[in-house]
Amino acid sequence: MTKIRVTKIFNFETAHALLDYDGLCKNIHGHSYKMYVTIIGEPKNNDNDTKNGMVIDFGVLKKIVKDNIVDKYDHSLLVNKNAKIESLKQTKQMFERFYMLDYQPTCENMVADFAKIIKQNLPQEIELFSVRLYETATSFAEWFASDNN
């Protein structure tokens, strides 16, 4: 059977700040992220299967990514846990969606983290092929399974 790649695009708004960075991104600022998630597999070939002809139901892929990434990080603030700004969390109104990450929240680190999360939640017969995360309209980071075996 033929392997097919299927891609779904997701959009979300997230703010971050880069700890100890030597440029403007050390300040809290936001991005309109666009994420392309591409999976690879063989289309089902079973007339009795309601998903016949599909590698994955787009709705299944959408639920995985929305539940584990988009709904969590949309309109959130991401900072490195070493920033020592726990006191911000006390201002609940403005910081109820505030995540202190184990890594510097760069586009590169975020795309690697998102790929790990997606891989863990895909059906067994489906493989994650790539994740492309646009931080701006002209800047993105990519994760490919072939580079990470």
N, C-alpha and C. Protein backbone atom coordinates (compact mmCIF):
# COMPACT_ATOMS: atom_id res chain seq x y z
N MET A 1 0.85 -1.19 0.00
CA MET A 1 0.00 0.00 0.00
C MET A 1 0.89 1.24 0.00
N THR A 2 0.34 2.33 -0.40
CA THR A 2 1.05 3.60 -0.51
C THR A 2 0.99 4.36 0.81
N LYS A 3 2.14 4.93 1.19
CA LYS A 3 2.17 5.81 2.36
C LYS A 3 1.74 7.21 1.92
N ILE A 4 0.92 7.83 2.73
CA ILE A 4 0.39 9.17 2.45
C ILE A 4 0.67 10.06 3.65
N ARG A 5 1.03 11.31 3.38
CA ARG A 5 1.19 12.32 4.43
C ARG A 5 -0.07 13.17 4.48
N VAL A 6 -0.53 13.44 5.67
CA VAL A 6 -1.71 14.26 5.90
C VAL A 6 -1.32 15.39 6.85
N THR A 7 -1.72 16.61 6.51
CA THR A 7 -1.35 17.78 7.31
C THR A 7 -2.59 18.53 7.77
N LYS A 8 -2.56 18.97 9.02
CA LYS A 8 -3.60 19.85 9.57
C LYS A 8 -2.90 21.07 10.14
N ILE A 9 -3.54 22.24 9.96
CA ILE A 9 -2.97 23.51 10.41
C ILE A 9 -3.73 24.02 11.63
N PHE A 10 -2.98 24.53 12.60
CA PHE A 10 -3.56 25.05 13.83
C PHE A 10 -3.03 26.46 14.08
N ASN A 11 -3.86 27.31 14.69
CA ASN A 11 -3.49 28.68 15.03
C ASN A 11 -3.77 28.92 16.50
N PHE A 12 -2.84 29.65 17.15
CA PHE A 12 -3.06 30.03 18.55
C PHE A 12 -2.19 31.23 18.87
N GLU A 13 -2.59 31.95 19.90
CA GLU A 13 -1.89 33.16 20.34
C GLU A 13 -1.22 32.86 21.67
N THR A 14 0.07 33.13 21.75
CA THR A 14 0.81 32.85 22.97
C THR A 14 1.86 33.94 23.20
N ALA A 15 2.07 34.28 24.46
CA ALA A 15 3.12 35.24 24.83
C ALA A 15 4.26 34.47 25.48
N HIS A 16 5.45 35.03 25.36
CA HIS A 16 6.60 34.44 26.02
C HIS A 16 7.65 35.52 26.26
N ALA A 17 8.66 35.16 27.03
CA ALA A 17 9.82 36.01 27.25
C ALA A 17 11.02 35.08 27.36
N LEU A 18 12.15 35.53 26.82
CA LEU A 18 13.35 34.69 26.82
C LEU A 18 14.30 35.15 27.91
N LEU A 19 14.53 34.29 28.86
CA LEU A 19 15.40 34.57 30.00
C LEU A 19 16.83 34.80 29.55
N ASP A 20 17.43 35.88 30.03
CA ASP A 20 18.83 36.22 29.77
C ASP A 20 19.16 36.40 28.29
N TYR A 21 18.17 36.67 27.47
CA TYR A 21 18.40 36.92 26.04
C TYR A 21 18.97 38.33 25.87
N ASP A 22 19.77 38.55 24.85
CA ASP A 22 20.42 39.84 24.66
C ASP A 22 19.71 40.75 23.66
N GLY A 23 18.44 40.49 23.40
CA GLY A 23 17.68 41.31 22.47
C GLY A 23 16.30 41.63 23.03
N LEU A 24 15.44 42.19 22.19
CA LEU A 24 14.11 42.62 22.61
C LEU A 24 13.24 41.48 23.13
N CYS A 25 13.50 40.26 22.69
CA CYS A 25 12.65 39.14 23.10
C CYS A 25 12.82 38.74 24.56
N LYS A 26 13.69 39.45 25.29
CA LYS A 26 13.77 39.23 26.73
C LYS A 26 12.53 39.80 27.43
N ASN A 27 11.82 40.68 26.73
CA ASN A 27 10.59 41.27 27.25
C ASN A 27 9.39 40.40 26.89
N ILE A 28 8.38 40.43 27.73
CA ILE A 28 7.16 39.67 27.44
C ILE A 28 6.55 40.25 26.16
N HIS A 29 6.26 39.36 25.22
CA HIS A 29 5.66 39.74 23.95
C HIS A 29 4.88 38.53 23.40
N GLY A 30 4.02 38.77 22.45
CA GLY A 30 3.19 37.70 21.94
C GLY A 30 3.39 37.43 20.47
N HIS A 31 2.91 36.25 20.06
CA HIS A 31 2.97 35.82 18.67
C HIS A 31 1.65 35.17 18.27
N SER A 32 1.34 35.26 17.01
CA SER A 32 0.24 34.50 16.42
C SER A 32 0.89 33.27 15.78
N TYR A 33 0.93 32.18 16.54
CA TYR A 33 1.58 30.97 16.07
C TYR A 33 0.70 30.24 15.07
N LYS A 34 1.35 29.65 14.08
CA LYS A 34 0.68 28.78 13.12
C LYS A 34 1.49 27.49 13.10
N MET A 35 0.80 26.38 13.33
CA MET A 35 1.49 25.09 13.42
C MET A 35 0.93 24.12 12.39
N TYR A 36 1.82 23.54 11.60
CA TYR A 36 1.48 22.52 10.62
C TYR A 36 1.90 21.18 11.19
N VAL A 37 0.94 20.27 11.36
CA VAL A 37 1.22 18.94 11.88
C VAL A 37 1.00 17.95 10.74
N THR A 38 2.04 17.21 10.40
CA THR A 38 1.97 16.24 9.30
C THR A 38 2.22 14.84 9.85
N ILE A 39 1.29 13.96 9.55
CA ILE A 39 1.43 12.56 9.95
C ILE A 39 1.57 11.74 8.67
N ILE A 40 2.02 10.50 8.83
CA ILE A 40 2.21 9.62 7.68
C ILE A 40 1.68 8.24 8.02
N GLY A 41 1.06 7.60 7.04
CA GLY A 41 0.55 6.25 7.23
C GLY A 41 -0.12 5.77 5.96
N GLU A 42 -0.68 4.60 6.05
CA GLU A 42 -1.39 4.01 4.92
C GLU A 42 -2.88 4.23 5.10
N PRO A 43 -3.57 4.65 4.03
CA PRO A 43 -5.02 4.79 4.13
C PRO A 43 -5.66 3.42 4.44
N LYS A 44 -6.68 3.44 5.25
CA LYS A 44 -7.40 2.21 5.58
C LYS A 44 -8.01 1.65 4.30
N ASN A 45 -7.96 0.35 4.19
CA ASN A 45 -8.50 -0.33 3.01
C ASN A 45 -9.44 -1.42 3.48
N ASN A 46 -10.59 -0.98 4.01
CA ASN A 46 -11.56 -1.91 4.56
C ASN A 46 -12.94 -1.31 4.36
N ASP A 47 -13.72 -1.89 3.48
CA ASP A 47 -15.05 -1.36 3.17
C ASP A 47 -15.97 -1.32 4.38
N ASN A 48 -15.68 -2.11 5.40
CA ASN A 48 -16.52 -2.14 6.60
C ASN A 48 -16.09 -1.13 7.65
N ASP A 49 -15.02 -0.42 7.40
CA ASP A 49 -14.49 0.58 8.34
C ASP A 49 -15.05 1.95 7.97
N THR A 50 -15.62 2.65 8.92
CA THR A 50 -16.19 3.98 8.64
C THR A 50 -15.11 4.98 8.25
N LYS A 51 -13.85 4.66 8.50
CA LYS A 51 -12.72 5.53 8.14
C LYS A 51 -12.00 5.01 6.90
N ASN A 52 -12.68 4.18 6.11
CA ASN A 52 -12.09 3.60 4.91
C ASN A 52 -11.55 4.71 4.00
N GLY A 53 -10.33 4.52 3.52
CA GLY A 53 -9.70 5.48 2.63
C GLY A 53 -8.93 6.58 3.34
N MET A 54 -9.00 6.62 4.67
CA MET A 54 -8.33 7.68 5.44
C MET A 54 -7.07 7.15 6.11
N VAL A 55 -6.04 8.00 6.19
CA VAL A 55 -4.88 7.70 7.02
C VAL A 55 -5.28 7.96 8.47
N ILE A 56 -5.91 9.10 8.68
CA ILE A 56 -6.45 9.48 9.99
C ILE A 56 -7.63 10.39 9.73
N ASP A 57 -8.62 10.31 10.55
CA ASP A 57 -9.74 11.25 10.48
C ASP A 57 -9.19 12.61 10.93
N PHE A 58 -9.38 13.65 10.12
CA PHE A 58 -8.89 14.98 10.50
C PHE A 58 -9.42 15.40 11.87
N GLY A 59 -10.62 14.96 12.21
CA GLY A 59 -11.20 15.28 13.52
C GLY A 59 -10.41 14.66 14.66
N VAL A 60 -9.86 13.48 14.46
CA VAL A 60 -9.05 12.81 15.48
C VAL A 60 -7.75 13.59 15.68
N LEU A 61 -7.10 13.96 14.58
CA LEU A 61 -5.87 14.73 14.68
C LEU A 61 -6.13 16.09 15.33
N LYS A 62 -7.23 16.72 14.95
CA LYS A 62 -7.60 18.02 15.53
C LYS A 62 -7.78 17.90 17.04
N LYS A 63 -8.46 16.86 17.48
CA LYS A 63 -8.71 16.68 18.92
C LYS A 63 -7.39 16.48 19.68
N ILE A 64 -6.49 15.67 19.14
CA ILE A 64 -5.21 15.42 19.79
C ILE A 64 -4.45 16.72 20.00
N VAL A 65 -4.34 17.51 18.94
CA VAL A 65 -3.54 18.74 19.01
C VAL A 65 -4.25 19.82 19.82
N LYS A 66 -5.54 19.98 19.63
CA LYS A 66 -6.27 21.01 20.40
C LYS A 66 -6.26 20.68 21.90
N ASP A 67 -6.57 19.44 22.25
CA ASP A 67 -6.65 19.07 23.66
C ASP A 67 -5.31 19.18 24.39
N ASN A 68 -4.22 18.87 23.70
CA ASN A 68 -2.92 18.78 24.36
C ASN A 68 -2.01 19.98 24.17
N ILE A 69 -2.30 20.82 23.17
CA ILE A 69 -1.42 21.97 22.90
C ILE A 69 -2.21 23.26 22.77
N VAL A 70 -3.07 23.35 21.77
CA VAL A 70 -3.74 24.62 21.46
C VAL A 70 -4.59 25.12 22.62
N ASP A 71 -5.46 24.27 23.16
CA ASP A 71 -6.33 24.72 24.24
C ASP A 71 -5.54 25.05 25.51
N LYS A 72 -4.40 24.43 25.69
CA LYS A 72 -3.56 24.70 26.86
C LYS A 72 -2.80 26.01 26.70
N TYR A 73 -2.16 26.20 25.55
CA TYR A 73 -1.25 27.33 25.40
C TYR A 73 -1.84 28.57 24.75
N ASP A 74 -3.04 28.48 24.18
CA ASP A 74 -3.65 29.66 23.57
C ASP A 74 -3.90 30.72 24.64
N HIS A 75 -3.50 31.94 24.38
CA HIS A 75 -3.64 33.07 25.32
C HIS A 75 -2.97 32.78 26.67
N SER A 76 -1.79 32.15 26.59
CA SER A 76 -1.00 31.85 27.78
C SER A 76 0.32 32.61 27.71
N LEU A 77 0.99 32.66 28.84
CA LEU A 77 2.33 33.23 28.94
C LEU A 77 3.28 32.09 29.28
N LEU A 78 4.35 31.95 28.49
CA LEU A 78 5.34 30.89 28.70
C LEU A 78 6.67 31.52 29.08
N VAL A 79 7.24 31.05 30.17
CA VAL A 79 8.56 31.53 30.60
C VAL A 79 9.39 30.34 31.08
N ASN A 80 10.68 30.53 31.05
CA ASN A 80 11.62 29.55 31.58
C ASN A 80 11.46 29.51 33.10
N LYS A 81 11.43 28.31 33.67
CA LYS A 81 11.21 28.18 35.12
C LYS A 81 12.31 28.83 35.94
N ASN A 82 13.46 29.07 35.34
CA ASN A 82 14.56 29.72 36.05
C ASN A 82 14.38 31.23 36.16
N ALA A 83 13.30 31.76 35.64
CA ALA A 83 13.06 33.21 35.66
C ALA A 83 12.75 33.73 37.06
N LYS A 84 12.39 32.87 37.98
CA LYS A 84 12.14 33.27 39.37
C LYS A 84 11.07 34.35 39.50
N ILE A 85 9.96 34.17 38.78
CA ILE A 85 8.88 35.16 38.84
C ILE A 85 7.58 34.52 39.30
N GLU A 86 7.68 33.56 40.18
CA GLU A 86 6.50 32.89 40.72
C GLU A 86 5.48 33.87 41.28
N SER A 87 5.93 35.00 41.78
CA SER A 87 5.01 35.95 42.40
C SER A 87 3.98 36.49 41.40
N LEU A 88 4.28 36.44 40.11
CA LEU A 88 3.31 36.88 39.11
C LEU A 88 2.05 36.04 39.15
N LYS A 89 2.19 34.78 39.49
CA LYS A 89 1.04 33.89 39.52
C LYS A 89 0.01 34.30 40.56
N GLN A 90 0.42 35.14 41.51
CA GLN A 90 -0.51 35.58 42.54
C GLN A 90 -1.55 36.55 41.97
N THR A 91 -1.24 37.18 40.86
CA THR A 91 -2.19 38.07 40.20
C THR A 91 -3.05 37.21 39.28
N LYS A 92 -4.00 36.51 39.83
CA LYS A 92 -4.78 35.50 39.13
C LYS A 92 -5.46 36.03 37.86
N GLN A 93 -6.00 37.22 37.92
CA GLN A 93 -6.74 37.74 36.78
C GLN A 93 -5.91 37.75 35.51
N MET A 94 -4.66 38.15 35.61
CA MET A 94 -3.82 38.29 34.43
C MET A 94 -2.93 37.08 34.17
N PHE A 95 -2.77 36.20 35.15
CA PHE A 95 -1.81 35.12 35.00
C PHE A 95 -2.40 33.75 35.31
N GLU A 96 -3.68 33.53 35.01
CA GLU A 96 -4.24 32.21 35.25
C GLU A 96 -3.76 31.21 34.20
N ARG A 97 -3.30 31.69 33.04
CA ARG A 97 -2.76 30.83 31.98
C ARG A 97 -1.27 31.14 31.85
N PHE A 98 -0.53 30.69 32.83
CA PHE A 98 0.88 31.02 32.99
C PHE A 98 1.64 29.72 33.18
N TYR A 99 2.61 29.45 32.32
CA TYR A 99 3.35 28.19 32.40
C TYR A 99 4.84 28.46 32.53
N MET A 100 5.43 27.88 33.54
CA MET A 100 6.87 27.93 33.73
C MET A 100 7.41 26.62 33.18
N LEU A 101 8.18 26.71 32.11
CA LEU A 101 8.63 25.54 31.38
C LEU A 101 10.03 25.12 31.80
N ASP A 102 10.35 23.86 31.57
CA ASP A 102 11.67 23.33 31.87
C ASP A 102 12.70 23.76 30.83
N TYR A 103 12.28 24.56 29.88
CA TYR A 103 13.16 24.98 28.80
C TYR A 103 12.91 26.44 28.44
N GLN A 104 13.86 27.03 27.74
CA GLN A 104 13.69 28.39 27.20
C GLN A 104 12.60 28.32 26.13
N PRO A 105 11.54 29.12 26.23
CA PRO A 105 10.40 29.00 25.31
C PRO A 105 10.66 29.62 23.93
N THR A 106 11.70 29.13 23.27
CA THR A 106 11.97 29.54 21.90
C THR A 106 11.10 28.71 20.96
N CYS A 107 10.98 29.17 19.75
CA CYS A 107 10.22 28.43 18.74
C CYS A 107 10.82 27.03 18.56
N GLU A 108 12.15 26.94 18.57
CA GLU A 108 12.83 25.66 18.39
C GLU A 108 12.48 24.67 19.50
N ASN A 109 12.54 25.12 20.75
CA ASN A 109 12.23 24.24 21.87
C ASN A 109 10.75 23.90 21.92
N MET A 110 9.92 24.85 21.58
CA MET A 110 8.48 24.60 21.59
C MET A 110 8.10 23.55 20.54
N VAL A 111 8.65 23.65 19.34
CA VAL A 111 8.28 22.68 18.30
C VAL A 111 8.74 21.28 18.70
N ALA A 112 9.89 21.15 19.35
CA ALA A 112 10.36 19.84 19.81
C ALA A 112 9.43 19.28 20.90
N ASP A 113 9.02 20.13 21.82
CA ASP A 113 8.10 19.72 22.89
C ASP A 113 6.75 19.32 22.30
N PHE A 114 6.23 20.11 21.38
CA PHE A 114 4.94 19.80 20.76
C PHE A 114 4.99 18.49 19.99
N ALA A 115 6.10 18.24 19.29
CA ALA A 115 6.24 16.98 18.56
C ALA A 115 6.18 15.79 19.52
N LYS A 116 6.85 15.91 20.64
CA LYS A 116 6.85 14.84 21.65
C LYS A 116 5.42 14.59 22.15
N ILE A 117 4.70 15.65 22.45
CA ILE A 117 3.32 15.53 22.94
C ILE A 117 2.43 14.87 21.89
N ILE A 118 2.54 15.31 20.65
CA ILE A 118 1.69 14.75 19.58
C ILE A 118 2.01 13.28 19.38
N LYS A 119 3.29 12.93 19.31
CA LYS A 119 3.71 11.53 19.12
C LYS A 119 3.10 10.62 20.17
N GLN A 120 3.10 11.08 21.42
CA GLN A 120 2.60 10.27 22.53
C GLN A 120 1.10 10.02 22.44
N ASN A 121 0.39 10.85 21.68
CA ASN A 121 -1.06 10.75 21.66
C ASN A 121 -1.65 10.25 20.34
N LEU A 122 -0.80 9.96 19.37
CA LEU A 122 -1.30 9.45 18.09
C LEU A 122 -1.70 7.98 18.20
N PRO A 123 -2.67 7.57 17.38
CA PRO A 123 -2.98 6.13 17.31
C PRO A 123 -1.73 5.35 16.92
N GLN A 124 -1.64 4.11 17.36
CA GLN A 124 -0.45 3.29 17.18
C GLN A 124 -0.01 3.15 15.72
N GLU A 125 -0.93 3.06 14.80
CA GLU A 125 -0.58 2.81 13.40
C GLU A 125 -0.18 4.08 12.64
N ILE A 126 -0.23 5.23 13.31
CA ILE A 126 0.08 6.51 12.68
C ILE A 126 1.42 7.01 13.20
N GLU A 127 2.23 7.57 12.30
CA GLU A 127 3.52 8.13 12.69
C GLU A 127 3.50 9.64 12.48
N LEU A 128 4.14 10.36 13.37
CA LEU A 128 4.32 11.79 13.17
C LEU A 128 5.46 11.97 12.18
N PHE A 129 5.22 12.71 11.12
CA PHE A 129 6.22 12.96 10.09
C PHE A 129 6.98 14.25 10.37
N SER A 130 6.21 15.34 10.65
CA SER A 130 6.86 16.63 10.91
C SER A 130 5.91 17.57 11.62
N VAL A 131 6.51 18.57 12.26
CA VAL A 131 5.77 19.68 12.86
C VAL A 131 6.52 20.95 12.47
N ARG A 132 5.79 21.89 11.91
CA ARG A 132 6.36 23.20 11.55
C ARG A 132 5.61 24.24 12.38
N LEU A 133 6.37 25.04 13.13
CA LEU A 133 5.76 26.05 13.99
C LEU A 133 6.24 27.43 13.54
N TYR A 134 5.30 28.22 13.02
CA TYR A 134 5.58 29.60 12.64
C TYR A 134 5.41 30.49 13.86
N GLU A 135 6.44 31.25 14.17
CA GLU A 135 6.36 32.22 15.25
C GLU A 135 5.92 33.57 14.70
N THR A 136 6.36 33.87 13.50
CA THR A 136 5.91 35.06 12.76
C THR A 136 5.59 34.59 11.35
N ALA A 137 5.11 35.50 10.53
CA ALA A 137 4.76 35.13 9.15
C ALA A 137 5.97 34.66 8.35
N THR A 138 7.17 35.06 8.77
CA THR A 138 8.37 34.72 8.00
C THR A 138 9.41 33.90 8.76
N SER A 139 9.08 33.47 9.97
CA SER A 139 10.05 32.73 10.79
C SER A 139 9.40 31.50 11.40
N PHE A 140 10.04 30.34 11.20
CA PHE A 140 9.50 29.11 11.76
C PHE A 140 10.61 28.14 12.12
N ALA A 141 10.26 27.15 12.94
CA ALA A 141 11.14 26.04 13.27
C ALA A 141 10.43 24.76 12.87
N GLU A 142 11.21 23.76 12.47
CA GLU A 142 10.63 22.49 12.04
C GLU A 142 11.25 21.32 12.79
N TRP A 143 10.42 20.32 13.04
CA TRP A 143 10.85 19.05 13.63
C TRP A 143 10.47 17.97 12.62
N PHE A 144 11.43 17.11 12.28
CA PHE A 144 11.17 15.98 11.38
C PHE A 144 11.51 14.69 12.11
N ALA A 145 10.65 13.70 11.99
CA ALA A 145 10.90 12.41 12.61
C ALA A 145 12.20 11.81 12.09
N SER A 146 12.47 11.97 10.81
CA SER A 146 13.68 11.40 10.22
C SER A 146 14.96 11.96 10.83
N ASP A 147 14.89 13.15 11.39
CA ASP A 147 16.05 13.76 12.04
C ASP A 147 16.19 13.35 13.50
N ASN A 148 15.19 12.69 14.03
CA ASN A 148 15.12 12.43 15.47
C ASN A 148 14.92 10.96 15.82
N ASN A 149 15.47 10.09 15.02
CA ASN A 149 15.36 8.64 15.30
C ASN A 149 16.43 8.17 16.23
